[in-house]
N, C-alpha and C. Protein backbone atom coordinates (compact mmCIF):
# COMPACT_ATOMS: atom_id res chain seq x y z
N MET A 1 -8.27 21.57 9.29
CA MET A 1 -6.84 21.34 9.16
C MET A 1 -6.33 20.61 10.40
N LEU A 2 -5.44 19.67 10.20
CA LEU A 2 -4.91 18.85 11.28
C LEU A 2 -3.87 19.65 12.07
N ASP A 3 -4.07 19.79 13.37
CA ASP A 3 -3.14 20.47 14.26
C ASP A 3 -2.08 19.44 14.67
N LEU A 4 -0.86 19.62 14.16
CA LEU A 4 0.19 18.63 14.39
C LEU A 4 0.60 18.53 15.86
N VAL A 5 0.57 19.65 16.58
CA VAL A 5 0.93 19.62 18.00
C VAL A 5 -0.11 18.82 18.78
N GLU A 6 -1.40 19.08 18.48
CA GLU A 6 -2.48 18.35 19.16
C GLU A 6 -2.42 16.86 18.81
N LEU A 7 -2.16 16.55 17.54
CA LEU A 7 -2.01 15.15 17.13
C LEU A 7 -0.89 14.49 17.93
N GLY A 8 0.24 15.17 18.03
CA GLY A 8 1.37 14.64 18.78
C GLY A 8 1.02 14.37 20.24
N ARG A 9 0.25 15.29 20.84
CA ARG A 9 -0.17 15.11 22.24
C ARG A 9 -1.06 13.87 22.38
N ARG A 10 -1.97 13.69 21.41
CA ARG A 10 -2.86 12.52 21.47
C ARG A 10 -2.06 11.22 21.37
N VAL A 11 -1.14 11.18 20.41
CA VAL A 11 -0.33 9.97 20.22
C VAL A 11 0.49 9.69 21.48
N GLN A 12 1.15 10.72 21.99
CA GLN A 12 1.97 10.53 23.18
C GLN A 12 1.13 10.13 24.38
N GLY A 13 -0.02 10.76 24.55
CA GLY A 13 -0.90 10.43 25.68
C GLY A 13 -1.38 8.99 25.61
N LEU A 14 -1.78 8.55 24.42
CA LEU A 14 -2.21 7.16 24.27
C LEU A 14 -1.06 6.19 24.51
N ARG A 15 0.14 6.57 24.05
CA ARG A 15 1.31 5.71 24.27
C ARG A 15 1.59 5.58 25.76
N HIS A 16 1.54 6.70 26.48
CA HIS A 16 1.79 6.66 27.93
C HIS A 16 0.70 5.87 28.65
N ASP A 17 -0.57 6.05 28.22
CA ASP A 17 -1.68 5.29 28.83
C ASP A 17 -1.46 3.78 28.71
N ARG A 18 -0.79 3.37 27.65
CA ARG A 18 -0.56 1.95 27.40
C ARG A 18 0.81 1.49 27.91
N ASP A 19 1.52 2.41 28.56
CA ASP A 19 2.82 2.11 29.14
C ASP A 19 3.79 1.57 28.10
N LEU A 20 3.79 2.23 26.92
CA LEU A 20 4.68 1.82 25.83
C LEU A 20 5.84 2.80 25.71
N THR A 21 7.02 2.28 25.44
CA THR A 21 8.14 3.14 25.11
C THR A 21 8.02 3.55 23.65
N LEU A 22 8.79 4.55 23.25
CA LEU A 22 8.81 4.93 21.83
C LEU A 22 9.18 3.73 20.97
N GLN A 23 10.20 2.99 21.40
CA GLN A 23 10.67 1.85 20.62
C GLN A 23 9.59 0.77 20.49
N ARG A 24 8.89 0.47 21.58
CA ARG A 24 7.85 -0.59 21.52
C ARG A 24 6.71 -0.18 20.61
N LEU A 25 6.29 1.09 20.67
CA LEU A 25 5.22 1.53 19.78
C LEU A 25 5.71 1.57 18.34
N ALA A 26 6.94 2.04 18.13
CA ALA A 26 7.49 2.08 16.77
C ALA A 26 7.53 0.67 16.17
N ASP A 27 7.94 -0.31 16.96
CA ASP A 27 7.96 -1.70 16.48
C ASP A 27 6.55 -2.19 16.17
N ALA A 28 5.61 -1.92 17.06
CA ALA A 28 4.23 -2.38 16.85
C ALA A 28 3.59 -1.70 15.65
N ALA A 29 3.96 -0.43 15.42
CA ALA A 29 3.36 0.34 14.34
C ALA A 29 4.13 0.19 13.02
N GLU A 30 5.28 -0.43 13.07
CA GLU A 30 6.13 -0.59 11.89
C GLU A 30 6.52 0.75 11.28
N VAL A 31 6.89 1.70 12.16
CA VAL A 31 7.43 2.99 11.74
C VAL A 31 8.73 3.20 12.50
N SER A 32 9.55 4.11 12.02
CA SER A 32 10.82 4.35 12.70
C SER A 32 10.59 5.14 13.98
N VAL A 33 11.51 4.98 14.93
CA VAL A 33 11.45 5.72 16.18
C VAL A 33 11.55 7.22 15.90
N SER A 34 12.40 7.60 14.95
CA SER A 34 12.56 9.02 14.65
C SER A 34 11.26 9.61 14.08
N MET A 35 10.56 8.86 13.23
CA MET A 35 9.27 9.33 12.70
C MET A 35 8.27 9.48 13.84
N LEU A 36 8.17 8.47 14.67
CA LEU A 36 7.22 8.51 15.79
C LEU A 36 7.53 9.68 16.72
N SER A 37 8.78 9.88 17.03
CA SER A 37 9.19 10.98 17.90
C SER A 37 8.84 12.33 17.28
N SER A 38 9.08 12.47 15.96
CA SER A 38 8.74 13.71 15.27
C SER A 38 7.25 13.98 15.28
N VAL A 39 6.44 12.92 15.13
CA VAL A 39 4.98 13.07 15.18
C VAL A 39 4.57 13.50 16.58
N GLU A 40 5.10 12.86 17.60
CA GLU A 40 4.74 13.21 18.97
C GLU A 40 5.12 14.64 19.33
N ARG A 41 6.20 15.16 18.76
CA ARG A 41 6.62 16.54 19.05
C ARG A 41 5.91 17.55 18.14
N GLY A 42 5.07 17.07 17.21
CA GLY A 42 4.35 17.96 16.31
C GLY A 42 5.23 18.58 15.26
N GLN A 43 6.36 17.92 14.96
CA GLN A 43 7.33 18.47 14.02
C GLN A 43 7.20 17.90 12.61
N LYS A 44 6.42 16.84 12.45
CA LYS A 44 6.32 16.22 11.14
C LYS A 44 4.87 15.85 10.87
N ALA A 45 4.41 16.12 9.65
CA ALA A 45 3.06 15.74 9.23
C ALA A 45 3.12 14.33 8.65
N PRO A 46 2.60 13.36 9.36
CA PRO A 46 2.67 11.98 8.86
C PRO A 46 1.66 11.75 7.74
N THR A 47 1.96 10.79 6.88
CA THR A 47 1.00 10.40 5.85
C THR A 47 -0.13 9.62 6.51
N VAL A 48 -1.22 9.43 5.77
CA VAL A 48 -2.33 8.64 6.30
C VAL A 48 -1.88 7.22 6.60
N VAL A 49 -1.01 6.68 5.76
CA VAL A 49 -0.51 5.32 5.97
C VAL A 49 0.25 5.24 7.30
N VAL A 50 1.11 6.21 7.56
CA VAL A 50 1.87 6.22 8.82
C VAL A 50 0.92 6.38 10.00
N LEU A 51 -0.05 7.30 9.88
CA LEU A 51 -1.02 7.47 10.96
C LEU A 51 -1.81 6.19 11.22
N ALA A 52 -2.20 5.50 10.15
CA ALA A 52 -2.94 4.24 10.32
C ALA A 52 -2.08 3.21 11.04
N ARG A 53 -0.80 3.16 10.74
CA ARG A 53 0.09 2.21 11.42
C ARG A 53 0.24 2.56 12.90
N ILE A 54 0.35 3.86 13.19
CA ILE A 54 0.46 4.28 14.59
C ILE A 54 -0.82 3.92 15.34
N ALA A 55 -1.97 4.20 14.70
CA ALA A 55 -3.26 3.85 15.33
C ALA A 55 -3.33 2.36 15.59
N ASP A 56 -2.92 1.53 14.62
CA ASP A 56 -2.91 0.08 14.81
C ASP A 56 -2.01 -0.32 15.97
N GLY A 57 -0.83 0.32 16.03
CA GLY A 57 0.11 0.02 17.11
C GLY A 57 -0.45 0.38 18.48
N LEU A 58 -1.30 1.41 18.52
CA LEU A 58 -1.93 1.82 19.78
C LEU A 58 -3.22 1.07 20.06
N GLY A 59 -3.72 0.37 19.03
CA GLY A 59 -4.96 -0.38 19.20
C GLY A 59 -6.20 0.50 19.20
N VAL A 60 -6.15 1.62 18.44
CA VAL A 60 -7.30 2.52 18.35
C VAL A 60 -7.63 2.75 16.88
N PRO A 61 -8.88 3.15 16.59
CA PRO A 61 -9.21 3.50 15.21
C PRO A 61 -8.45 4.76 14.79
N LEU A 62 -8.13 4.87 13.52
CA LEU A 62 -7.41 6.03 13.01
C LEU A 62 -8.16 7.32 13.34
N ALA A 63 -9.48 7.30 13.25
CA ALA A 63 -10.27 8.50 13.54
C ALA A 63 -10.02 9.02 14.96
N HIS A 64 -9.67 8.14 15.87
CA HIS A 64 -9.40 8.52 17.26
C HIS A 64 -8.19 9.46 17.34
N LEU A 65 -7.27 9.33 16.39
CA LEU A 65 -6.08 10.18 16.39
C LEU A 65 -6.33 11.53 15.73
N VAL A 66 -7.16 11.57 14.69
CA VAL A 66 -7.26 12.79 13.89
C VAL A 66 -8.51 13.62 14.13
N ASP A 67 -9.56 13.04 14.71
CA ASP A 67 -10.79 13.80 14.94
C ASP A 67 -10.71 14.58 16.24
N PRO A 68 -11.14 15.85 16.20
CA PRO A 68 -11.23 16.58 17.47
C PRO A 68 -12.24 15.89 18.38
N PRO A 69 -12.00 15.85 19.68
CA PRO A 69 -12.92 15.19 20.59
C PRO A 69 -14.34 15.75 20.44
N GLY A 70 -15.33 14.86 20.43
CA GLY A 70 -16.72 15.26 20.36
C GLY A 70 -17.17 15.70 18.98
N ASP A 71 -16.32 15.65 17.97
CA ASP A 71 -16.68 16.16 16.66
C ASP A 71 -16.56 15.09 15.57
N SER A 72 -16.54 13.82 15.96
CA SER A 72 -16.26 12.76 15.00
C SER A 72 -17.48 12.29 14.22
N ARG A 73 -18.68 12.72 14.59
CA ARG A 73 -19.87 12.22 13.91
C ARG A 73 -20.32 13.11 12.76
N VAL A 74 -19.78 14.32 12.66
CA VAL A 74 -20.16 15.22 11.59
C VAL A 74 -18.90 15.77 10.95
N VAL A 75 -18.75 15.56 9.64
CA VAL A 75 -17.61 16.08 8.89
C VAL A 75 -18.19 16.87 7.72
N VAL A 76 -17.91 18.15 7.68
CA VAL A 76 -18.43 19.02 6.63
C VAL A 76 -17.33 19.29 5.61
N ARG A 77 -17.70 19.22 4.34
CA ARG A 77 -16.77 19.60 3.28
C ARG A 77 -17.45 20.70 2.47
N ARG A 78 -16.97 21.89 2.62
CA ARG A 78 -17.53 23.04 1.92
C ARG A 78 -17.24 22.94 0.43
N ALA A 79 -18.12 23.53 -0.36
CA ALA A 79 -17.97 23.49 -1.82
C ALA A 79 -16.60 24.00 -2.24
N ALA A 80 -16.12 25.04 -1.58
CA ALA A 80 -14.82 25.62 -1.93
C ALA A 80 -13.66 24.67 -1.63
N ASP A 81 -13.90 23.67 -0.77
CA ASP A 81 -12.84 22.73 -0.39
C ASP A 81 -12.88 21.43 -1.18
N GLN A 82 -13.87 21.27 -2.05
CA GLN A 82 -13.98 20.04 -2.83
C GLN A 82 -12.87 20.00 -3.88
N ASP A 83 -12.29 18.83 -4.05
CA ASP A 83 -11.23 18.65 -5.03
C ASP A 83 -11.85 18.54 -6.42
N VAL A 84 -11.40 19.38 -7.33
CA VAL A 84 -11.85 19.34 -8.72
C VAL A 84 -10.64 18.95 -9.56
N VAL A 85 -10.81 17.88 -10.35
CA VAL A 85 -9.72 17.37 -11.16
C VAL A 85 -10.14 17.44 -12.63
N ASP A 86 -9.40 18.22 -13.41
CA ASP A 86 -9.62 18.28 -14.86
C ASP A 86 -8.71 17.23 -15.50
N GLU A 87 -9.34 16.24 -16.13
CA GLU A 87 -8.61 15.11 -16.69
C GLU A 87 -8.30 15.35 -18.17
N PRO A 88 -7.28 14.64 -18.69
CA PRO A 88 -7.03 14.72 -20.13
C PRO A 88 -8.29 14.30 -20.89
N GLY A 89 -8.55 14.94 -22.00
CA GLY A 89 -9.75 14.63 -22.77
C GLY A 89 -10.89 15.56 -22.44
N GLY A 90 -10.68 16.48 -21.48
CA GLY A 90 -11.67 17.49 -21.18
C GLY A 90 -12.71 17.12 -20.15
N TRP A 91 -12.61 15.95 -19.53
CA TRP A 91 -13.62 15.60 -18.53
C TRP A 91 -13.18 16.05 -17.16
N ARG A 92 -14.16 16.23 -16.29
CA ARG A 92 -13.91 16.80 -14.96
C ARG A 92 -14.55 15.95 -13.88
N ARG A 93 -13.78 15.72 -12.80
CA ARG A 93 -14.27 15.03 -11.61
C ARG A 93 -14.26 15.99 -10.44
N THR A 94 -15.34 15.97 -9.66
CA THR A 94 -15.40 16.74 -8.42
C THR A 94 -15.65 15.75 -7.29
N ILE A 95 -14.73 15.71 -6.33
CA ILE A 95 -14.87 14.79 -5.21
C ILE A 95 -15.72 15.49 -4.15
N LEU A 96 -16.95 15.00 -3.99
CA LEU A 96 -17.92 15.64 -3.12
C LEU A 96 -17.81 15.20 -1.67
N SER A 97 -17.41 13.96 -1.45
CA SER A 97 -17.43 13.41 -0.09
C SER A 97 -16.30 13.94 0.76
N PRO A 98 -16.59 14.22 2.03
CA PRO A 98 -15.52 14.58 2.96
C PRO A 98 -14.59 13.38 3.16
N VAL A 99 -13.35 13.65 3.49
CA VAL A 99 -12.40 12.59 3.79
C VAL A 99 -12.59 12.20 5.25
N VAL A 100 -12.91 10.94 5.47
CA VAL A 100 -13.10 10.43 6.82
C VAL A 100 -12.13 9.27 7.00
N PRO A 101 -11.13 9.43 7.84
CA PRO A 101 -10.15 8.37 8.03
C PRO A 101 -10.80 7.04 8.37
N GLY A 102 -10.33 5.99 7.71
CA GLY A 102 -10.84 4.66 7.96
C GLY A 102 -12.10 4.31 7.19
N VAL A 103 -12.66 5.27 6.45
CA VAL A 103 -13.86 5.02 5.66
C VAL A 103 -13.48 5.08 4.19
N ASN A 104 -13.67 3.99 3.48
CA ASN A 104 -13.27 3.89 2.08
C ASN A 104 -14.42 4.23 1.14
N PHE A 105 -15.13 5.31 1.42
CA PHE A 105 -16.27 5.71 0.61
C PHE A 105 -15.92 6.99 -0.13
N GLU A 106 -16.31 7.03 -1.42
CA GLU A 106 -16.11 8.23 -2.22
C GLU A 106 -17.41 8.55 -2.94
N TRP A 107 -17.71 9.84 -3.04
CA TRP A 107 -18.85 10.31 -3.81
C TRP A 107 -18.30 11.34 -4.78
N ILE A 108 -18.44 11.06 -6.07
CA ILE A 108 -17.80 11.86 -7.10
C ILE A 108 -18.83 12.28 -8.14
N ARG A 109 -18.76 13.54 -8.57
CA ARG A 109 -19.58 14.05 -9.67
C ARG A 109 -18.66 14.22 -10.86
N THR A 110 -19.04 13.63 -12.00
CA THR A 110 -18.20 13.68 -13.19
C THR A 110 -19.00 14.24 -14.36
N THR A 111 -18.34 15.07 -15.16
CA THR A 111 -18.94 15.56 -16.40
C THR A 111 -18.02 15.18 -17.56
N LEU A 112 -18.60 14.44 -18.52
CA LEU A 112 -17.88 14.06 -19.73
C LEU A 112 -18.38 14.93 -20.88
N PRO A 113 -17.47 15.60 -21.60
CA PRO A 113 -17.92 16.38 -22.74
C PRO A 113 -18.47 15.46 -23.85
N PRO A 114 -19.13 16.02 -24.85
CA PRO A 114 -19.67 15.20 -25.94
C PRO A 114 -18.60 14.29 -26.55
N GLY A 115 -18.96 13.02 -26.73
CA GLY A 115 -18.07 12.06 -27.37
C GLY A 115 -16.85 11.66 -26.58
N CYS A 116 -16.76 12.01 -25.32
CA CYS A 116 -15.57 11.74 -24.50
C CYS A 116 -15.57 10.32 -23.95
N ASP A 117 -14.43 9.68 -24.05
CA ASP A 117 -14.21 8.36 -23.45
C ASP A 117 -13.25 8.56 -22.29
N ALA A 118 -13.71 8.34 -21.06
CA ALA A 118 -12.86 8.54 -19.87
C ALA A 118 -11.88 7.39 -19.68
N GLY A 119 -12.05 6.31 -20.42
CA GLY A 119 -11.14 5.19 -20.32
C GLY A 119 -11.58 4.15 -19.31
N ALA A 120 -10.75 3.13 -19.18
CA ALA A 120 -11.06 2.00 -18.30
C ALA A 120 -10.34 2.16 -16.97
N PHE A 121 -11.01 1.70 -15.92
CA PHE A 121 -10.44 1.70 -14.58
C PHE A 121 -10.22 0.26 -14.17
N PRO A 122 -9.10 -0.03 -13.51
CA PRO A 122 -8.83 -1.41 -13.13
C PRO A 122 -9.82 -1.91 -12.08
N ALA A 123 -9.93 -3.20 -11.99
CA ALA A 123 -10.79 -3.82 -10.97
C ALA A 123 -10.29 -3.43 -9.59
N TYR A 124 -11.23 -3.12 -8.69
CA TYR A 124 -10.88 -2.87 -7.30
C TYR A 124 -10.87 -4.20 -6.55
N ALA A 125 -10.48 -4.15 -5.31
CA ALA A 125 -10.41 -5.37 -4.49
C ALA A 125 -11.81 -5.97 -4.32
N PRO A 126 -11.88 -7.29 -4.16
CA PRO A 126 -13.19 -7.92 -3.91
C PRO A 126 -13.91 -7.23 -2.75
N GLY A 127 -15.23 -7.11 -2.87
CA GLY A 127 -16.02 -6.44 -1.86
C GLY A 127 -16.24 -4.97 -2.16
N SER A 128 -15.67 -4.46 -3.26
CA SER A 128 -15.87 -3.07 -3.66
C SER A 128 -17.17 -2.94 -4.44
N HIS A 129 -17.84 -1.80 -4.25
CA HIS A 129 -19.15 -1.57 -4.88
C HIS A 129 -19.21 -0.16 -5.44
N GLU A 130 -19.98 0.02 -6.52
CA GLU A 130 -20.24 1.36 -7.04
C GLU A 130 -21.71 1.49 -7.38
N PHE A 131 -22.24 2.67 -7.09
CA PHE A 131 -23.58 3.07 -7.50
C PHE A 131 -23.39 4.28 -8.39
N VAL A 132 -24.06 4.30 -9.55
CA VAL A 132 -23.92 5.41 -10.49
C VAL A 132 -25.32 5.94 -10.79
N ALA A 133 -25.48 7.26 -10.72
CA ALA A 133 -26.75 7.91 -11.06
C ALA A 133 -26.48 8.96 -12.12
N ILE A 134 -27.26 8.91 -13.20
CA ILE A 134 -27.05 9.83 -14.32
C ILE A 134 -27.89 11.09 -14.09
N GLU A 135 -27.22 12.23 -14.05
CA GLU A 135 -27.89 13.51 -13.87
C GLU A 135 -28.40 14.05 -15.21
N SER A 136 -27.56 13.99 -16.25
CA SER A 136 -27.95 14.47 -17.57
C SER A 136 -27.13 13.77 -18.64
N GLY A 137 -27.69 13.69 -19.85
CA GLY A 137 -26.98 13.08 -20.96
C GLY A 137 -27.06 11.57 -20.95
N THR A 138 -26.12 10.96 -21.67
CA THR A 138 -26.06 9.50 -21.81
C THR A 138 -24.69 9.01 -21.38
N LEU A 139 -24.67 7.97 -20.57
CA LEU A 139 -23.42 7.36 -20.14
C LEU A 139 -23.36 5.94 -20.65
N ARG A 140 -22.25 5.58 -21.27
CA ARG A 140 -22.01 4.19 -21.68
C ARG A 140 -21.06 3.59 -20.65
N LEU A 141 -21.58 2.63 -19.90
CA LEU A 141 -20.82 1.96 -18.85
C LEU A 141 -20.45 0.57 -19.33
N THR A 142 -19.16 0.26 -19.28
CA THR A 142 -18.69 -1.06 -19.69
C THR A 142 -18.11 -1.76 -18.47
N LEU A 143 -18.63 -2.95 -18.20
CA LEU A 143 -18.18 -3.77 -17.07
C LEU A 143 -17.66 -5.07 -17.63
N ALA A 144 -16.35 -5.24 -17.58
CA ALA A 144 -15.70 -6.40 -18.20
C ALA A 144 -16.16 -6.45 -19.65
N GLU A 145 -16.95 -7.43 -20.03
CA GLU A 145 -17.40 -7.57 -21.43
C GLU A 145 -18.82 -7.06 -21.66
N ARG A 146 -19.47 -6.55 -20.63
CA ARG A 146 -20.87 -6.10 -20.75
C ARG A 146 -20.93 -4.58 -20.85
N THR A 147 -21.76 -4.08 -21.78
CA THR A 147 -21.94 -2.64 -21.95
C THR A 147 -23.41 -2.29 -21.80
N VAL A 148 -23.67 -1.17 -21.08
CA VAL A 148 -25.04 -0.70 -20.90
C VAL A 148 -25.05 0.82 -21.07
N ASP A 149 -26.06 1.32 -21.81
CA ASP A 149 -26.25 2.76 -21.96
C ASP A 149 -27.26 3.22 -20.92
N LEU A 150 -26.92 4.29 -20.21
CA LEU A 150 -27.77 4.86 -19.16
C LEU A 150 -28.10 6.30 -19.53
N HIS A 151 -29.32 6.73 -19.19
CA HIS A 151 -29.78 8.06 -19.55
C HIS A 151 -30.17 8.83 -18.29
N ALA A 152 -30.41 10.14 -18.44
CA ALA A 152 -30.77 11.00 -17.31
C ALA A 152 -31.85 10.34 -16.46
N GLY A 153 -31.60 10.27 -15.16
CA GLY A 153 -32.54 9.66 -14.23
C GLY A 153 -32.27 8.19 -13.95
N ASP A 154 -31.50 7.51 -14.81
CA ASP A 154 -31.18 6.11 -14.59
C ASP A 154 -30.12 5.97 -13.50
N SER A 155 -30.10 4.82 -12.88
CA SER A 155 -29.04 4.51 -11.92
C SER A 155 -28.69 3.04 -12.05
N VAL A 156 -27.52 2.69 -11.56
CA VAL A 156 -27.04 1.31 -11.66
C VAL A 156 -26.14 1.01 -10.46
N TYR A 157 -26.12 -0.24 -10.06
CA TYR A 157 -25.19 -0.74 -9.05
C TYR A 157 -24.34 -1.80 -9.74
N PHE A 158 -23.07 -1.89 -9.37
CA PHE A 158 -22.25 -3.02 -9.80
C PHE A 158 -21.12 -3.28 -8.81
N ALA A 159 -20.74 -4.54 -8.75
CA ALA A 159 -19.57 -4.93 -7.97
C ALA A 159 -18.36 -4.48 -8.78
N SER A 160 -17.55 -3.59 -8.22
CA SER A 160 -16.47 -2.98 -9.00
C SER A 160 -15.14 -3.74 -8.90
N ASP A 161 -15.25 -5.05 -8.72
CA ASP A 161 -14.05 -5.88 -8.72
C ASP A 161 -13.79 -6.42 -10.13
N VAL A 162 -14.27 -5.65 -11.14
CA VAL A 162 -14.01 -5.95 -12.55
C VAL A 162 -13.54 -4.65 -13.21
N THR A 163 -12.86 -4.77 -14.34
CA THR A 163 -12.49 -3.58 -15.10
C THR A 163 -13.77 -2.87 -15.51
N HIS A 164 -13.81 -1.56 -15.34
CA HIS A 164 -15.01 -0.80 -15.68
C HIS A 164 -14.60 0.49 -16.40
N ALA A 165 -15.45 0.91 -17.35
CA ALA A 165 -15.13 2.07 -18.18
C ALA A 165 -16.35 2.95 -18.35
N TYR A 166 -16.08 4.25 -18.47
CA TYR A 166 -17.13 5.25 -18.62
C TYR A 166 -16.90 6.03 -19.91
N ALA A 167 -17.97 6.25 -20.70
CA ALA A 167 -17.85 7.04 -21.93
C ALA A 167 -19.17 7.75 -22.20
N ASN A 168 -19.08 8.87 -22.89
CA ASN A 168 -20.26 9.59 -23.35
C ASN A 168 -20.37 9.36 -24.85
N PRO A 169 -21.33 8.52 -25.31
CA PRO A 169 -21.42 8.22 -26.73
C PRO A 169 -22.09 9.32 -27.55
N ASP A 170 -22.70 10.30 -26.88
CA ASP A 170 -23.42 11.35 -27.59
C ASP A 170 -22.44 12.40 -28.11
N PRO A 171 -22.39 12.61 -29.43
CA PRO A 171 -21.44 13.58 -29.99
C PRO A 171 -21.87 15.04 -29.82
N THR A 172 -23.07 15.28 -29.26
CA THR A 172 -23.57 16.66 -29.20
C THR A 172 -23.81 17.19 -27.79
N ALA A 173 -23.95 16.33 -26.79
CA ALA A 173 -24.31 16.81 -25.45
C ALA A 173 -23.40 16.21 -24.39
N PRO A 174 -23.07 16.98 -23.34
CA PRO A 174 -22.27 16.44 -22.24
C PRO A 174 -23.10 15.47 -21.40
N CYS A 175 -22.41 14.68 -20.59
CA CYS A 175 -23.05 13.75 -19.67
C CYS A 175 -22.50 14.04 -18.27
N THR A 176 -23.41 14.20 -17.32
CA THR A 176 -23.00 14.40 -15.93
C THR A 176 -23.60 13.26 -15.10
N TYR A 177 -22.76 12.64 -14.28
CA TYR A 177 -23.22 11.53 -13.45
C TYR A 177 -22.50 11.55 -12.11
N HIS A 178 -23.10 10.85 -11.14
CA HIS A 178 -22.54 10.74 -9.80
C HIS A 178 -22.16 9.28 -9.55
N VAL A 179 -21.02 9.09 -8.91
CA VAL A 179 -20.56 7.76 -8.51
C VAL A 179 -20.42 7.76 -7.00
N ALA A 180 -21.07 6.81 -6.36
CA ALA A 180 -20.88 6.56 -4.93
C ALA A 180 -20.16 5.22 -4.84
N ALA A 181 -18.95 5.22 -4.33
CA ALA A 181 -18.12 4.02 -4.36
C ALA A 181 -17.64 3.65 -2.96
N LEU A 182 -17.76 2.38 -2.66
CA LEU A 182 -17.16 1.81 -1.47
C LEU A 182 -16.03 0.93 -1.98
N VAL A 183 -14.82 1.42 -1.83
CA VAL A 183 -13.65 0.76 -2.41
C VAL A 183 -12.85 0.08 -1.31
N MET A 184 -12.81 -1.24 -1.37
CA MET A 184 -12.02 -2.00 -0.41
C MET A 184 -10.58 -2.01 -0.86
N ARG A 185 -9.70 -1.94 0.09
CA ARG A 185 -8.27 -1.96 -0.24
C ARG A 185 -7.64 -3.07 0.57
N ALA A 186 -6.90 -3.91 -0.12
CA ALA A 186 -6.21 -5.00 0.57
C ALA A 186 -5.15 -4.39 1.47
N ARG A 187 -5.10 -4.81 2.71
CA ARG A 187 -4.11 -4.31 3.66
C ARG A 187 -2.86 -5.15 3.54
N THR A 188 -1.75 -4.49 3.33
CA THR A 188 -0.49 -5.23 3.20
C THR A 188 0.44 -4.83 4.33
N ARG A 189 1.21 -5.74 4.79
CA ARG A 189 2.17 -5.47 5.85
C ARG A 189 3.52 -5.28 5.19
N ARG A 190 4.29 -4.40 5.75
CA ARG A 190 5.65 -4.20 5.23
C ARG A 190 6.52 -5.38 5.62
N ALA A 191 7.46 -5.66 4.76
CA ALA A 191 8.41 -6.73 5.07
C ALA A 191 9.31 -6.27 6.22
N PRO A 192 9.67 -7.17 7.12
CA PRO A 192 10.52 -6.77 8.25
C PRO A 192 11.91 -6.38 7.80
């Protein structure tokens, strides 16, 4: 869990090390002075987007703000802390990968009930990649206009900058598969 007081101390310490006023850092980070001040006092939990902007304004990686010193190389996510999402249609996603600021990697385990169509996912930004490994059952993967059926033990790689869809064509057995995804996100700047 993120200690807001410790986070505030880190932000303030880095700001002082760089001889920046609250206003100068707020301008560089494209956040309000009141937000920055609240973060420094440990009174407000900033979003990841706000933290990333503050890190950019300070010229440090986001991980430098949120990782405890000396503990940035190992991030453990206990089974009890994994996010499990039950989707409409009866399918389930479990997000296995720990959240590491600045790393756009996800590892997800999905189970589709018999005959379930999970639907189509929009194309990700160019440079995005997915690896899929089938644990059990049959997965029908559709990439733009191409469809391939995969079975237990099969794996596939694809550039995920195309519309892609997952379905279980088997009316009698569930399908469980793992997705390892490196998802690039276009960085946008706020309008002044």
